[in-house]
Amino acid sequence: MAEILGKAMRLGAMMWVNKKETNAKLFWAPDAKALQLVLEGDAVSLYGEVAEARLKSLACAMNASFDFQAK
């Protein structure tokens, strides 16, 4: 559990753009075992190789699939 929390916190810290706006959302669908990262506005440019690797690592630790969506 600590591993999953640590991975989620590292991913969240990367997506932090502005504390007054919510530009990044991470959704968990427990029945489908699926994570979805949705980025909007300025946050879209933050998704690169490192962010993808962190999302993939988090999903792997949760034995889940993952998806990224830019709006």
Foldseek 3Di string as FASTA:
>chain_A
DVVLVVLVVVLVVLQDDDPVDDQWDWDADVVQLEIEIEGEDPSVVSDDDVSVVSQVVSSVVSVGYYYYHYD
